[in-house]
Structures are given as C-alpha cells and as structure tokens.
Amino acid sequence: MQPLPLRLLSKHQRRAAAQPETHILAAIVHVAEQGVETPWPLEIEAHDGSMYNVLLKVGESLIYESARLAHSRATPLDGEMYLPQFQLS
C-alpha cells in the first residue's frame, strides 16, 4: 500500500465511504475556517452501528477507517469557508 498525494477536497457527499480497493484509511487536518456560524461535524458510523459526530478545531486531525465506516457531513456548511486537508491511503 502506498499513500496517495495530499489533496484538498471541497465537495462532500452524504454517507460516503471510500473505495476499499484503493483507500483504507483517511486522515483529515482542519487547516482553516472562516465565518463558520454553526459547528460542522463529520458524522461517522462505527462498526457496531453507533453514530459519532466529530468536531475538529483548526490544527486538529482525525484518522479513521474510511473504507469500512460510513461517513458524511449531514448538514450544509453554515459559514463562508471550511478548509480540510485529506490524506488517503
């Protein structure tokens, strides 16, 4: 397994899971935000079906099993800009 280049994504899909053939883990670094009025959690469904809302502050990161855990942003961004940086491997 080789990591893919670091990339920025701006489009989020509901209840997405990464392609298990190519992406097993995902890492998100919350780089910046501007004018965010309402917290914008990443919703992740655990193996046992439990749902978790993960809020990242600027500078924080998260690593999760993106190929097996359904994940999404359940609500639209209530703000001007949210800049995450992703690494998939």
N, C-alpha and C. Protein backbone atom coordinates (compact mmCIF):
# COMPACT_ATOMS: atom_id res chain seq x y z
N MET A 1 0.84 -1.16 0.00
CA MET A 1 0.00 0.00 0.00
C MET A 1 0.90 1.23 0.00
N GLN A 2 0.60 2.17 -0.90
CA GLN A 2 1.36 3.40 -0.98
C GLN A 2 0.40 4.58 -0.79
N PRO A 3 0.80 5.58 0.01
CA PRO A 3 -0.08 6.73 0.20
C PRO A 3 -0.25 7.51 -1.09
N LEU A 4 -1.41 8.07 -1.26
CA LEU A 4 -1.68 8.94 -2.39
C LEU A 4 -1.23 10.35 -2.04
N PRO A 5 -1.02 11.20 -3.04
CA PRO A 5 -0.61 12.58 -2.75
C PRO A 5 -1.66 13.29 -1.89
N LEU A 6 -1.18 14.19 -1.06
CA LEU A 6 -2.06 15.02 -0.25
C LEU A 6 -2.94 15.84 -1.18
N ARG A 7 -4.22 15.97 -0.84
CA ARG A 7 -5.09 16.74 -1.72
C ARG A 7 -6.16 17.45 -0.91
N LEU A 8 -6.69 18.49 -1.47
CA LEU A 8 -7.78 19.25 -0.85
C LEU A 8 -9.08 18.89 -1.54
N LEU A 9 -10.11 18.72 -0.76
CA LEU A 9 -11.43 18.43 -1.30
C LEU A 9 -12.41 19.49 -0.81
N SER A 10 -13.31 19.90 -1.66
CA SER A 10 -14.30 20.88 -1.23
C SER A 10 -15.72 20.36 -1.38
N LYS A 11 -15.91 19.25 -2.06
CA LYS A 11 -17.24 18.70 -2.25
C LYS A 11 -17.41 17.51 -1.32
N HIS A 12 -18.50 17.52 -0.55
CA HIS A 12 -18.77 16.43 0.39
C HIS A 12 -20.06 15.74 -0.03
N GLN A 13 -20.08 14.42 0.04
CA GLN A 13 -21.28 13.66 -0.29
C GLN A 13 -21.83 13.04 0.99
N ARG A 14 -23.14 12.89 1.03
CA ARG A 14 -23.77 12.29 2.21
C ARG A 14 -23.46 10.80 2.28
N ARG A 15 -23.15 10.35 3.47
CA ARG A 15 -22.98 8.93 3.79
C ARG A 15 -22.02 8.23 2.83
N ALA A 16 -20.92 8.83 2.56
CA ALA A 16 -19.94 8.27 1.64
C ALA A 16 -19.02 7.31 2.36
N ALA A 17 -18.48 6.38 1.62
CA ALA A 17 -17.39 5.53 2.10
C ALA A 17 -16.36 5.49 0.99
N ALA A 18 -15.10 5.44 1.36
CA ALA A 18 -14.04 5.41 0.36
C ALA A 18 -14.03 4.07 -0.37
N GLN A 19 -13.33 4.02 -1.48
CA GLN A 19 -13.23 2.79 -2.25
C GLN A 19 -12.28 1.82 -1.53
N PRO A 20 -12.76 0.67 -1.05
CA PRO A 20 -11.90 -0.24 -0.29
C PRO A 20 -10.73 -0.80 -1.09
N GLU A 21 -10.83 -0.78 -2.42
CA GLU A 21 -9.73 -1.29 -3.23
C GLU A 21 -8.54 -0.33 -3.23
N THR A 22 -8.81 0.96 -3.00
CA THR A 22 -7.74 1.95 -3.10
C THR A 22 -7.54 2.78 -1.84
N HIS A 23 -8.56 2.94 -1.01
CA HIS A 23 -8.46 3.80 0.17
C HIS A 23 -8.92 3.03 1.40
N ILE A 24 -8.02 2.80 2.31
CA ILE A 24 -8.34 2.07 3.54
C ILE A 24 -8.49 3.03 4.70
N LEU A 25 -7.55 3.95 4.82
CA LEU A 25 -7.56 4.94 5.90
C LEU A 25 -7.66 6.35 5.32
N ALA A 26 -8.22 7.24 6.10
CA ALA A 26 -8.24 8.66 5.73
C ALA A 26 -7.75 9.46 6.92
N ALA A 27 -7.03 10.52 6.63
CA ALA A 27 -6.61 11.48 7.64
C ALA A 27 -7.09 12.85 7.20
N ILE A 28 -7.68 13.57 8.13
CA ILE A 28 -8.15 14.93 7.86
C ILE A 28 -7.42 15.87 8.82
N VAL A 29 -6.89 16.94 8.28
CA VAL A 29 -6.34 18.02 9.10
C VAL A 29 -7.21 19.24 8.83
N HIS A 30 -7.77 19.80 9.90
CA HIS A 30 -8.60 21.01 9.75
C HIS A 30 -7.67 22.20 9.68
N VAL A 31 -7.48 22.72 8.48
CA VAL A 31 -6.49 23.76 8.20
C VAL A 31 -7.00 25.15 8.55
N ALA A 32 -8.22 25.47 8.12
CA ALA A 32 -8.74 26.81 8.35
C ALA A 32 -10.25 26.83 8.21
N GLU A 33 -10.85 27.86 8.77
CA GLU A 33 -12.28 28.11 8.56
C GLU A 33 -12.50 29.61 8.67
N GLN A 34 -13.60 30.05 8.07
CA GLN A 34 -13.91 31.48 8.10
C GLN A 34 -15.42 31.64 8.17
N GLY A 35 -15.87 32.43 9.11
CA GLY A 35 -17.29 32.75 9.22
C GLY A 35 -18.18 31.56 9.49
N VAL A 36 -17.67 30.52 10.15
CA VAL A 36 -18.49 29.34 10.45
C VAL A 36 -19.38 29.67 11.64
N GLU A 37 -20.68 29.72 11.40
CA GLU A 37 -21.66 30.12 12.42
C GLU A 37 -22.11 28.95 13.28
N THR A 38 -22.19 27.78 12.69
CA THR A 38 -22.67 26.58 13.37
C THR A 38 -21.61 25.50 13.24
N PRO A 39 -21.28 24.78 14.33
CA PRO A 39 -20.31 23.69 14.21
C PRO A 39 -20.71 22.73 13.08
N TRP A 40 -19.71 22.21 12.38
CA TRP A 40 -19.95 21.36 11.21
C TRP A 40 -19.27 20.01 11.41
N PRO A 41 -19.92 19.09 12.12
CA PRO A 41 -19.28 17.82 12.46
C PRO A 41 -19.22 16.85 11.28
N LEU A 42 -18.23 16.00 11.34
CA LEU A 42 -18.16 14.84 10.45
C LEU A 42 -18.87 13.72 11.19
N GLU A 43 -19.88 13.14 10.57
CA GLU A 43 -20.64 12.06 11.17
C GLU A 43 -20.03 10.74 10.71
N ILE A 44 -19.68 9.86 11.67
CA ILE A 44 -19.07 8.57 11.35
C ILE A 44 -19.87 7.47 12.04
N GLU A 45 -20.19 6.43 11.27
CA GLU A 45 -20.90 5.28 11.83
C GLU A 45 -19.86 4.21 12.18
N ALA A 46 -19.80 3.83 13.46
CA ALA A 46 -18.84 2.83 13.93
C ALA A 46 -19.26 1.43 13.50
N HIS A 47 -18.38 0.46 13.70
CA HIS A 47 -18.65 -0.92 13.31
C HIS A 47 -19.91 -1.48 13.98
N ASP A 48 -20.20 -1.02 15.21
CA ASP A 48 -21.38 -1.53 15.93
C ASP A 48 -22.65 -0.76 15.61
N GLY A 49 -22.58 0.19 14.67
CA GLY A 49 -23.75 0.96 14.28
C GLY A 49 -23.91 2.25 15.06
N SER A 50 -23.09 2.48 16.07
CA SER A 50 -23.15 3.73 16.83
C SER A 50 -22.73 4.89 15.93
N MET A 51 -23.38 6.03 16.11
CA MET A 51 -23.06 7.22 15.33
C MET A 51 -22.26 8.20 16.19
N TYR A 52 -21.23 8.78 15.60
CA TYR A 52 -20.39 9.75 16.29
C TYR A 52 -20.30 11.02 15.45
N ASN A 53 -20.44 12.17 16.11
CA ASN A 53 -20.24 13.46 15.48
C ASN A 53 -18.88 13.98 15.94
N VAL A 54 -17.97 14.14 14.99
CA VAL A 54 -16.60 14.56 15.31
C VAL A 54 -16.43 16.01 14.87
N LEU A 55 -16.10 16.86 15.84
CA LEU A 55 -15.83 18.28 15.56
C LEU A 55 -14.33 18.51 15.68
N LEU A 56 -13.73 19.03 14.63
CA LEU A 56 -12.31 19.34 14.64
C LEU A 56 -12.12 20.85 14.73
N LYS A 57 -11.21 21.27 15.60
CA LYS A 57 -10.80 22.67 15.67
C LYS A 57 -9.64 22.86 14.70
N VAL A 58 -9.39 24.09 14.31
CA VAL A 58 -8.26 24.38 13.42
C VAL A 58 -6.98 23.82 14.05
N GLY A 59 -6.24 23.07 13.25
CA GLY A 59 -5.00 22.45 13.71
C GLY A 59 -5.17 21.03 14.20
N GLU A 60 -6.39 20.58 14.44
CA GLU A 60 -6.62 19.20 14.89
C GLU A 60 -6.75 18.28 13.69
N SER A 61 -6.52 16.98 13.95
CA SER A 61 -6.60 15.99 12.87
C SER A 61 -7.37 14.77 13.34
N LEU A 62 -7.77 13.96 12.36
CA LEU A 62 -8.52 12.74 12.61
C LEU A 62 -8.06 11.69 11.61
N ILE A 63 -7.84 10.48 12.10
CA ILE A 63 -7.56 9.33 11.24
C ILE A 63 -8.68 8.33 11.48
N TYR A 64 -9.28 7.83 10.40
CA TYR A 64 -10.36 6.86 10.54
C TYR A 64 -10.33 5.87 9.38
N GLU A 65 -11.02 4.76 9.57
CA GLU A 65 -11.06 3.68 8.59
C GLU A 65 -12.13 4.00 7.54
N SER A 66 -11.74 4.76 6.55
CA SER A 66 -12.70 5.31 5.60
C SER A 66 -13.32 4.27 4.67
N ALA A 67 -12.66 3.14 4.46
CA ALA A 67 -13.19 2.12 3.56
C ALA A 67 -14.34 1.34 4.19
N ARG A 68 -14.40 1.27 5.51
CA ARG A 68 -15.41 0.45 6.17
C ARG A 68 -16.42 1.24 6.99
N LEU A 69 -16.12 2.49 7.28
CA LEU A 69 -17.02 3.28 8.12
C LEU A 69 -17.73 4.33 7.28
N ALA A 70 -19.05 4.26 7.25
CA ALA A 70 -19.83 5.27 6.52
C ALA A 70 -19.59 6.61 7.20
N HIS A 71 -19.41 7.66 6.41
CA HIS A 71 -19.12 8.98 6.96
C HIS A 71 -19.68 10.06 6.04
N SER A 72 -20.06 11.17 6.66
CA SER A 72 -20.64 12.26 5.87
C SER A 72 -20.67 13.54 6.69
N ARG A 73 -20.98 14.61 6.01
CA ARG A 73 -21.35 15.87 6.64
C ARG A 73 -22.86 15.95 6.45
N ALA A 74 -23.62 15.74 7.52
CA ALA A 74 -25.07 15.59 7.42
C ALA A 74 -25.80 16.90 7.14
N THR A 75 -25.14 18.02 7.39
CA THR A 75 -25.79 19.31 7.17
C THR A 75 -24.89 20.17 6.28
N PRO A 76 -25.48 21.13 5.58
CA PRO A 76 -24.66 22.04 4.78
C PRO A 76 -23.81 22.94 5.69
N LEU A 77 -22.71 23.41 5.17
CA LEU A 77 -21.85 24.33 5.90
C LEU A 77 -22.58 25.64 6.13
N ASP A 78 -22.63 26.10 7.38
CA ASP A 78 -23.22 27.38 7.73
C ASP A 78 -22.07 28.35 7.99
N GLY A 79 -21.47 28.80 6.91
CA GLY A 79 -20.32 29.69 7.02
C GLY A 79 -19.75 29.99 5.65
N GLU A 80 -18.67 30.77 5.63
CA GLU A 80 -18.07 31.18 4.38
C GLU A 80 -17.10 30.14 3.81
N MET A 81 -16.28 29.53 4.69
CA MET A 81 -15.24 28.65 4.18
C MET A 81 -14.80 27.66 5.27
N TYR A 82 -14.58 26.42 4.85
CA TYR A 82 -14.06 25.36 5.72
C TYR A 82 -13.03 24.61 4.90
N LEU A 83 -11.78 24.61 5.36
CA LEU A 83 -10.70 24.06 4.56
C LEU A 83 -10.06 22.85 5.25
N PRO A 84 -10.47 21.64 4.86
CA PRO A 84 -9.81 20.45 5.36
C PRO A 84 -8.74 19.99 4.35
N GLN A 85 -7.75 19.31 4.86
CA GLN A 85 -6.73 18.71 4.00
C GLN A 85 -6.80 17.20 4.24
N PHE A 86 -6.83 16.43 3.17
CA PHE A 86 -7.03 14.99 3.26
C PHE A 86 -5.79 14.23 2.81
N GLN A 87 -5.56 13.10 3.45
CA GLN A 87 -4.57 12.12 3.00
C GLN A 87 -5.28 10.78 3.01
N LEU A 88 -5.31 10.12 1.88
CA LEU A 88 -5.93 8.80 1.78
C LEU A 88 -4.86 7.78 1.51
N SER A 89 -4.98 6.63 2.13
CA SER A 89 -4.05 5.55 1.83
C SER A 89 -4.74 4.21 1.97
